Amino acid sequence: MAAMVQTPSAQSSITALQESATGQQNSQWGLSDSDWSRYQTLMKGARGIMSPGLDPLTALGVETDNSTERRRLAELWVEHEYQRSEKELAFQREINAAWLRLHPETLAVNMGSNTAGIAHDTRGRLALFVKENCSRCDTRLAAVLADNRPVDIYLVGGDSDEVIRTWAVRHTIPIDKVRSRQITLNRDGGLWLRYGQGQMPVILQQGENGWQLAAF
């Protein structure tokens, strides 16, 4: 029992550590203490049930009714995603170089000069397999969208149209390109197990000999 009693000084130290941890989280996302408190409250309610693990910027931005706040949070989200993508693309380039150095004879990835890692010798349609909560998938998606290629996106584990629509909105898939069928959104239906070679994400490229692995 004595070991469980906290002295005022001990309690003060615990509080200071908690405040420090909260401050570090706020700094990471560019949020104020009140922002972080509201995020925690939101994730204890319906939003947390509907979207477990949702990042603070998206949760706050989706739930606010204030247009100024929505714009502020959207800009924070873009800056955060930009920095994250730059880091991941830099690491991906190092992985690509390591493949070339260490296993050039077994390299299964077509190392084009564009960020998506896809050769420009053909403008064939792409198939991109992604899943939820996958940072490398988000990086590949951003690269494919930036390259303006026609692509069929397959959400592995997306077992309903509503899940796929929610994912598409969260990843700002261009609606006009979906309407024109330049981009299609699809359930996986087991195709990833057939073509993915256990990798995630995976890009297939349509060519003269059918679908070929282009990048992962």
C-alpha atoms as a PDB file:
ATOM      1  CA  MET A   1       0.000   0.000   0.000  1.00  0.00           C
ATOM      2  CA  ALA A   2       2.843   2.359   0.866  1.00  0.00           C
ATOM      3  CA  ALA A   3       4.380   1.853  -2.573  1.00  0.00           C
ATOM      4  CA  MET A   4       1.110   2.955  -4.198  1.00  0.00           C
ATOM      5  CA  VAL A   5       0.923   6.278  -2.350  1.00  0.00           C
ATOM      6  CA  GLN A   6       2.061   9.211  -4.492  1.00  0.00           C
ATOM      7  CA  THR A   7       3.620  12.199  -2.801  1.00  0.00           C
ATOM      8  CA  PRO A   8       2.783  15.713  -4.061  1.00  0.00           C
ATOM      9  CA  SER A   9       6.236  15.948  -5.644  1.00  0.00           C
ATOM     10  CA  ALA A  10       5.786  12.609  -7.413  1.00  0.00           C
ATOM     11  CA  GLN A  11       2.348  13.628  -8.684  1.00  0.00           C
ATOM     12  CA  SER A  12       3.808  16.921  -9.897  1.00  0.00           C
ATOM     13  CA  SER A  13       6.509  15.045 -11.840  1.00  0.00           C
ATOM     14  CA  ILE A  14       3.900  12.777 -13.489  1.00  0.00           C
ATOM     15  CA  THR A  15       1.798  15.791 -14.467  1.00  0.00           C
ATOM     16  CA  ALA A  16       4.852  17.521 -15.918  1.00  0.00           C
ATOM     17  CA  LEU A  17       5.697  14.416 -17.985  1.00  0.00           C
ATOM     18  CA  GLN A  18       2.125  14.200 -19.274  1.00  0.00           C
ATOM     19  CA  GLU A  19       2.120  17.879 -20.220  1.00  0.00           C
ATOM     20  CA  SER A  20       5.477  17.454 -21.955  1.00  0.00           C
ATOM     21  CA  ALA A  21       4.188  14.495 -23.975  1.00  0.00           C
ATOM     22  CA  THR A  22       1.070  16.433 -24.947  1.00  0.00           C
ATOM     23  CA  GLY A  23       3.195  19.407 -25.957  1.00  0.00           C
ATOM     24  CA  GLN A  24       5.362  17.206 -28.187  1.00  0.00           C
ATOM     25  CA  GLN A  25       2.260  15.767 -29.890  1.00  0.00           C
ATOM     26  CA  ASN A  26       0.832  19.257 -30.418  1.00  0.00           C
ATOM     27  CA  SER A  27       4.111  20.442 -31.912  1.00  0.00           C
ATOM     28  CA  GLN A  28       4.255  17.442 -34.239  1.00  0.00           C
ATOM     29  CA  TRP A  29       0.883  18.318 -35.750  1.00  0.00           C
ATOM     30  CA  GLY A  30       1.069  22.105 -35.397  1.00  0.00           C
ATOM     31  CA  LEU A  31      -1.904  22.159 -33.021  1.00  0.00           C
ATOM     32  CA  SER A  32      -2.736  24.159 -29.918  1.00  0.00           C
ATOM     33  CA  ASP A  33      -3.597  22.602 -26.558  1.00  0.00           C
ATOM     34  CA  SER A  34      -7.279  23.328 -27.178  1.00  0.00           C
ATOM     35  CA  ASP A  35      -7.069  21.661 -30.611  1.00  0.00           C
ATOM     36  CA  TRP A  36      -5.548  18.557 -29.074  1.00  0.00           C
ATOM     37  CA  SER A  37      -8.161  18.468 -26.298  1.00  0.00           C
ATOM     38  CA  ARG A  38     -10.968  18.698 -28.867  1.00  0.00           C
ATOM     39  CA  TYR A  39      -9.353  15.927 -30.945  1.00  0.00           C
ATOM     40  CA  GLN A  40      -9.223  13.635 -27.913  1.00  0.00           C
ATOM     41  CA  THR A  41     -12.882  14.392 -27.158  1.00  0.00           C
ATOM     42  CA  LEU A  42     -13.904  13.686 -30.764  1.00  0.00           C
ATOM     43  CA  MET A  43     -12.091  10.350 -30.825  1.00  0.00           C
ATOM     44  CA  LYS A  44     -13.919   9.238 -27.686  1.00  0.00           C
ATOM     45  CA  GLY A  45     -17.225   9.762 -29.468  1.00  0.00           C
ATOM     46  CA  ALA A  46     -18.856   8.771 -32.764  1.00  0.00           C
ATOM     47  CA  ARG A  47     -15.909   9.914 -34.913  1.00  0.00           C
ATOM     48  CA  GLY A  48     -13.569   7.583 -33.056  1.00  0.00           C
ATOM     49  CA  ILE A  49     -15.948   4.673 -33.616  1.00  0.00           C
ATOM     50  CA  MET A  50     -16.433   5.443 -37.331  1.00  0.00           C
ATOM     51  CA  SER A  51     -12.778   6.243 -38.020  1.00  0.00           C
ATOM     52  CA  PRO A  52     -10.498   4.648 -35.404  1.00  0.00           C
ATOM     53  CA  GLY A  53      -6.927   5.834 -35.621  1.00  0.00           C
ATOM     54  CA  LEU A  54      -7.834   8.932 -37.649  1.00  0.00           C
ATOM     55  CA  ASP A  55      -5.126  11.590 -37.526  1.00  0.00           C
ATOM     56  CA  PRO A  56      -5.835  14.824 -35.589  1.00  0.00           C
ATOM     57  CA  LEU A  57      -5.832  17.168 -38.583  1.00  0.00           C
ATOM     58  CA  THR A  58      -8.355  15.135 -40.563  1.00  0.00           C
ATOM     59  CA  ALA A  59     -10.581  14.525 -37.545  1.00  0.00           C
ATOM     60  CA  LEU A  60     -10.681  18.193 -36.583  1.00  0.00           C
ATOM     61  CA  GLY A  61     -11.059  19.368 -40.178  1.00  0.00           C
ATOM     62  CA  VAL A  62     -13.949  17.024 -40.936  1.00  0.00           C
ATOM     63  CA  GLU A  63     -15.812  17.837 -37.731  1.00  0.00           C
ATOM     64  CA  THR A  64     -15.510  21.619 -37.725  1.00  0.00           C
ATOM     65  CA  ASP A  65     -18.326  23.854 -39.000  1.00  0.00           C
ATOM     66  CA  ASN A  66     -16.061  26.894 -39.205  1.00  0.00           C
ATOM     67  CA  SER A  67     -14.759  27.574 -42.716  1.00  0.00           C
ATOM     68  CA  THR A  68     -11.721  29.484 -41.432  1.00  0.00           C
ATOM     69  CA  GLU A  69     -10.802  26.595 -39.149  1.00  0.00           C
ATOM     70  CA  ARG A  70     -11.349  24.125 -41.975  1.00  0.00           C
ATOM     71  CA  ARG A  71      -8.946  26.055 -44.207  1.00  0.00           C
ATOM     72  CA  ARG A  72      -6.323  26.314 -41.444  1.00  0.00           C
ATOM     73  CA  LEU A  73      -6.482  22.581 -40.751  1.00  0.00           C
ATOM     74  CA  ALA A  74      -6.411  21.737 -44.459  1.00  0.00           C
ATOM     75  CA  GLU A  75      -3.230  23.779 -44.903  1.00  0.00           C
ATOM     76  CA  LEU A  76      -1.644  22.094 -41.879  1.00  0.00           C
ATOM     77  CA  TRP A  77      -2.596  18.697 -43.342  1.00  0.00           C
ATOM     78  CA  VAL A  78      -1.039  19.532 -46.718  1.00  0.00           C
ATOM     79  CA  GLU A  79       2.216  20.724 -45.118  1.00  0.00           C
ATOM     80  CA  HIS A  80       2.371  17.631 -42.912  1.00  0.00           C
ATOM     81  CA  GLU A  81       1.731  15.303 -45.860  1.00  0.00           C
ATOM     82  CA  TYR A  82       4.269  17.139 -48.014  1.00  0.00           C
ATOM     83  CA  GLN A  83       7.014  16.708 -45.443  1.00  0.00           C
ATOM     84  CA  ARG A  84       6.113  13.057 -44.859  1.00  0.00           C
ATOM     85  CA  SER A  85       5.993  12.274 -48.576  1.00  0.00           C
ATOM     86  CA  GLU A  86       9.352  13.959 -49.187  1.00  0.00           C
ATOM     87  CA  LYS A  87      10.970  11.790 -46.516  1.00  0.00           C
ATOM     88  CA  GLU A  88       9.399   8.596 -47.835  1.00  0.00           C
ATOM     89  CA  LEU A  89      10.248   9.366 -51.457  1.00  0.00           C
ATOM     90  CA  ALA A  90      13.865  10.038 -50.459  1.00  0.00           C
ATOM     91  CA  PHE A  91      14.005   6.681 -48.695  1.00  0.00           C
ATOM     92  CA  GLN A  92      12.298   4.956 -51.622  1.00  0.00           C
ATOM     93  CA  ARG A  93      14.961   6.329 -53.957  1.00  0.00           C
ATOM     94  CA  GLU A  94      17.625   4.846 -51.692  1.00  0.00           C
ATOM     95  CA  ILE A  95      15.798   1.490 -51.737  1.00  0.00           C
ATOM     96  CA  ASN A  96      15.679   1.610 -55.529  1.00  0.00           C
ATOM     97  CA  ALA A  97      19.412   2.341 -55.691  1.00  0.00           C
ATOM     98  CA  ALA A  98      20.111  -0.476 -53.225  1.00  0.00           C
ATOM     99  CA  TRP A  99      18.175  -2.929 -55.428  1.00  0.00           C
ATOM    100  CA  LEU A 100      20.312  -1.932 -58.392  1.00  0.00           C
ATOM    101  CA  ARG A 101      23.543  -2.322 -56.411  1.00  0.00           C
ATOM    102  CA  LEU A 102      22.777  -5.532 -54.549  1.00  0.00           C
ATOM    103  CA  HIS A 103      20.402  -7.543 -56.748  1.00  0.00           C
ATOM    104  CA  PRO A 104      20.422  -6.152 -60.293  1.00  0.00           C
ATOM    105  CA  GLU A 105      19.786  -9.589 -61.794  1.00  0.00           C
ATOM    106  CA  THR A 106      16.541 -10.077 -59.838  1.00  0.00           C
ATOM    107  CA  LEU A 107      15.203  -6.539 -59.916  1.00  0.00           C
ATOM    108  CA  ALA A 108      11.453  -6.802 -60.404  1.00  0.00           C
ATOM    109  CA  VAL A 109      10.800  -3.080 -60.485  1.00  0.00           C
ATOM    110  CA  ASN A 110      10.918  -0.998 -63.632  1.00  0.00           C
ATOM    111  CA  MET A 111      13.011   1.956 -62.484  1.00  0.00           C
ATOM    112  CA  GLY A 112      11.758   4.891 -64.530  1.00  0.00           C
ATOM    113  CA  SER A 113      12.874   8.448 -63.955  1.00  0.00           C
ATOM    114  CA  ASN A 114       9.532   9.596 -62.603  1.00  0.00           C
ATOM    115  CA  THR A 115       8.616   9.501 -58.918  1.00  0.00           C
ATOM    116  CA  ALA A 116       6.108   6.700 -59.442  1.00  0.00           C
ATOM    117  CA  GLY A 117       8.913   4.416 -60.639  1.00  0.00           C
ATOM    118  CA  ILE A 118       7.038   3.632 -63.869  1.00  0.00           C
ATOM    119  CA  ALA A 119       8.613   3.549 -67.307  1.00  0.00           C
ATOM    120  CA  HIS A 120       7.401   6.029 -69.910  1.00  0.00           C
ATOM    121  CA  ASP A 121       7.992   3.699 -72.849  1.00  0.00           C
ATOM    122  CA  THR A 122       4.240   3.007 -72.807  1.00  0.00           C
ATOM    123  CA  ARG A 123       1.191   4.919 -71.722  1.00  0.00           C
ATOM    124  CA  GLY A 124      -0.631   1.735 -70.804  1.00  0.00           C
ATOM    125  CA  ARG A 125      -3.210   1.790 -68.063  1.00  0.00           C
ATOM    126  CA  LEU A 126      -2.066   1.146 -64.504  1.00  0.00           C
ATOM    127  CA  ALA A 127      -3.516  -0.942 -61.695  1.00  0.00           C
ATOM    128  CA  LEU A 128      -2.593   0.205 -58.181  1.00  0.00           C
ATOM    129  CA  PHE A 129      -3.187  -2.019 -55.133  1.00  0.00           C
ATOM    130  CA  VAL A 130      -3.248  -0.190 -51.789  1.00  0.00           C
ATOM    131  CA  LYS A 131      -4.611  -0.650 -48.281  1.00  0.00           C
ATOM    132  CA  GLU A 132      -5.662   1.504 -45.352  1.00  0.00           C
ATOM    133  CA  ASN A 133      -3.089   2.957 -42.928  1.00  0.00           C
ATOM    134  CA  CYS A 134      -0.165   2.362 -45.315  1.00  0.00           C
ATOM    135  CA  SER A 135       2.203   5.308 -45.686  1.00  0.00           C
ATOM    136  CA  ARG A 136       4.043   3.741 -48.643  1.00  0.00           C
ATOM    137  CA  CYS A 137       0.680   3.227 -50.354  1.00  0.00           C
ATOM    138  CA  ASP A 138      -0.106   6.920 -49.902  1.00  0.00           C
ATOM    139  CA  THR A 139       3.266   7.867 -51.388  1.00  0.00           C
ATOM    140  CA  ARG A 140       2.734   5.631 -54.431  1.00  0.00           C
ATOM    141  CA  LEU A 141      -0.793   6.975 -54.873  1.00  0.00           C
ATOM    142  CA  ALA A 142       0.429  10.581 -54.799  1.00  0.00           C
ATOM    143  CA  ALA A 143       3.112   9.774 -57.389  1.00  0.00           C
ATOM    144  CA  VAL A 144       0.658   8.052 -59.746  1.00  0.00           C
ATOM    145  CA  LEU A 145      -1.833  10.915 -59.473  1.00  0.00           C
ATOM    146  CA  ALA A 146       0.925  13.456 -60.098  1.00  0.00           C
ATOM    147  CA  ASP A 147       1.981  11.483 -63.190  1.00  0.00           C
ATOM    148  CA  ASN A 148      -1.582  11.824 -64.540  1.00  0.00           C
ATOM    149  CA  ARG A 149      -1.803   8.197 -65.667  1.00  0.00           C
ATOM    150  CA  PRO A 150      -5.066   6.302 -66.188  1.00  0.00           C
ATOM    151  CA  VAL A 151      -5.279   3.959 -63.228  1.00  0.00           C
ATOM    152  CA  ASP A 152      -7.576   1.370 -61.677  1.00  0.00           C
ATOM    153  CA  ILE A 153      -7.213   1.627 -57.895  1.00  0.00           C
ATOM    154  CA  TYR A 154      -7.936  -1.492 -55.833  1.00  0.00           C
ATOM    155  CA  LEU A 155      -8.395  -1.045 -52.072  1.00  0.00           C
ATOM    156  CA  VAL A 156      -7.312  -4.316 -50.495  1.00  0.00           C
ATOM    157  CA  GLY A 157      -9.610  -4.996 -47.561  1.00  0.00           C
ATOM    158  CA  GLY A 158     -12.180  -2.483 -48.789  1.00  0.00           C
ATOM    159  CA  ASP A 159     -15.198  -4.741 -48.489  1.00  0.00           C
ATOM    160  CA  SER A 160     -17.902  -2.173 -49.229  1.00  0.00           C
ATOM    161  CA  ASP A 161     -18.541   0.760 -51.542  1.00  0.00           C
ATOM    162  CA  GLU A 162     -18.889   3.045 -48.509  1.00  0.00           C
ATOM    163  CA  VAL A 163     -15.403   2.104 -47.245  1.00  0.00           C
ATOM    164  CA  ILE A 164     -13.939   2.803 -50.678  1.00  0.00           C
ATOM    165  CA  ARG A 165     -15.759   6.139 -50.996  1.00  0.00           C
ATOM    166  CA  THR A 166     -14.559   7.218 -47.544  1.00  0.00           C
ATOM    167  CA  TRP A 167     -10.993   6.250 -48.446  1.00  0.00           C
ATOM    168  CA  ALA A 168     -11.231   8.152 -51.747  1.00  0.00           C
ATOM    169  CA  VAL A 169     -12.500  11.316 -50.053  1.00  0.00           C
ATOM    170  CA  ARG A 170      -9.772  11.146 -47.420  1.00  0.00           C
ATOM    171  CA  HIS A 171      -7.127  10.796 -50.144  1.00  0.00           C
ATOM    172  CA  THR A 172      -8.665  13.558 -52.321  1.00  0.00           C
ATOM    173  CA  ILE A 173      -9.098  11.388 -55.420  1.00  0.00           C
ATOM    174  CA  PRO A 174     -10.163  13.780 -58.237  1.00  0.00           C
ATOM    175  CA  ILE A 175     -13.903  13.345 -58.776  1.00  0.00           C
ATOM    176  CA  ASP A 176     -13.770  14.528 -62.395  1.00  0.00           C
ATOM    177  CA  LYS A 177     -11.250  11.813 -63.261  1.00  0.00           C
ATOM    178  CA  VAL A 178     -13.402   9.173 -61.596  1.00  0.00           C
ATOM    179  CA  ARG A 179     -16.417  10.355 -63.613  1.00  0.00           C
ATOM    180  CA  SER A 180     -14.408  10.222 -66.847  1.00  0.00           C
ATOM    181  CA  ARG A 181     -13.114   6.736 -65.912  1.00  0.00           C
ATOM    182  CA  GLN A 182      -9.486   7.872 -66.059  1.00  0.00           C
ATOM    183  CA  ILE A 183      -9.483   6.655 -62.463  1.00  0.00           C
ATOM    184  CA  THR A 184     -11.638   3.782 -61.251  1.00  0.00           C
ATOM    185  CA  LEU A 185     -12.162   2.731 -57.635  1.00  0.00           C
ATOM    186  CA  ASN A 186     -12.546  -0.987 -57.045  1.00  0.00           C
ATOM    187  CA  ARG A 187     -12.807  -3.723 -54.460  1.00  0.00           C
ATOM    188  CA  ASP A 188      -9.796  -6.010 -54.576  1.00  0.00           C
ATOM    189  CA  GLY A 189     -11.732  -9.259 -54.989  1.00  0.00           C
ATOM    190  CA  GLY A 190      -8.602 -11.382 -54.465  1.00  0.00           C
ATOM    191  CA  LEU A 191      -6.632  -9.866 -57.366  1.00  0.00           C
ATOM    192  CA  TRP A 192      -3.838  -8.692 -55.078  1.00  0.00           C
ATOM    193  CA  LEU A 193      -3.205 -12.262 -53.910  1.00  0.00           C
ATOM    194  CA  ARG A 194      -2.947 -13.289 -57.555  1.00  0.00           C
ATOM    195  CA  TYR A 195      -0.696 -10.502 -58.841  1.00  0.00           C
ATOM    196  CA  GLY A 196       0.852  -8.772 -55.828  1.00  0.00           C
ATOM    197  CA  GLN A 197       3.655 -11.212 -54.966  1.00  0.00           C
ATOM    198  CA  GLY A 198       3.033 -10.373 -51.315  1.00  0.00           C
ATOM    199  CA  GLN A 199       4.124  -6.748 -51.768  1.00  0.00           C
ATOM    200  CA  MET A 200       2.193  -3.651 -50.714  1.00  0.00           C
ATOM    201  CA  PRO A 201       1.674  -1.329 -52.508  1.00  0.00           C
ATOM    202  CA  VAL A 202       1.881  -2.811 -56.017  1.00  0.00           C
ATOM    203  CA  ILE A 203       1.579  -1.157 -59.428  1.00  0.00           C
ATOM    204  CA  LEU A 204       0.798  -3.187 -62.538  1.00  0.00           C
ATOM    205  CA  GLN A 205       1.226  -1.736 -66.011  1.00  0.00           C
ATOM    206  CA  GLN A 206      -0.705  -2.821 -69.083  1.00  0.00           C
ATOM    207  CA  GLY A 207       1.453  -3.540 -72.124  1.00  0.00           C
ATOM    208  CA  GLU A 208       1.630  -5.675 -75.228  1.00  0.00           C
ATOM    209  CA  ASN A 209       1.956  -8.851 -73.145  1.00  0.00           C
ATOM    210  CA  GLY A 210      -0.819  -8.010 -70.720  1.00  0.00           C
ATOM    211  CA  TRP A 211      -0.420  -6.861 -67.114  1.00  0.00           C
ATOM    212  CA  GLN A 212       3.168  -6.696 -65.876  1.00  0.00           C
ATOM    213  CA  LEU A 213       4.570  -5.779 -62.450  1.00  0.00           C
ATOM    214  CA  ALA A 214       5.776  -2.181 -62.746  1.00  0.00           C
ATOM    215  CA  ALA A 215       6.647  -1.121 -59.207  1.00  0.00           C
ATOM    216  CA  PHE A 216       6.172  -1.896 -55.535  1.00  0.00           C
END
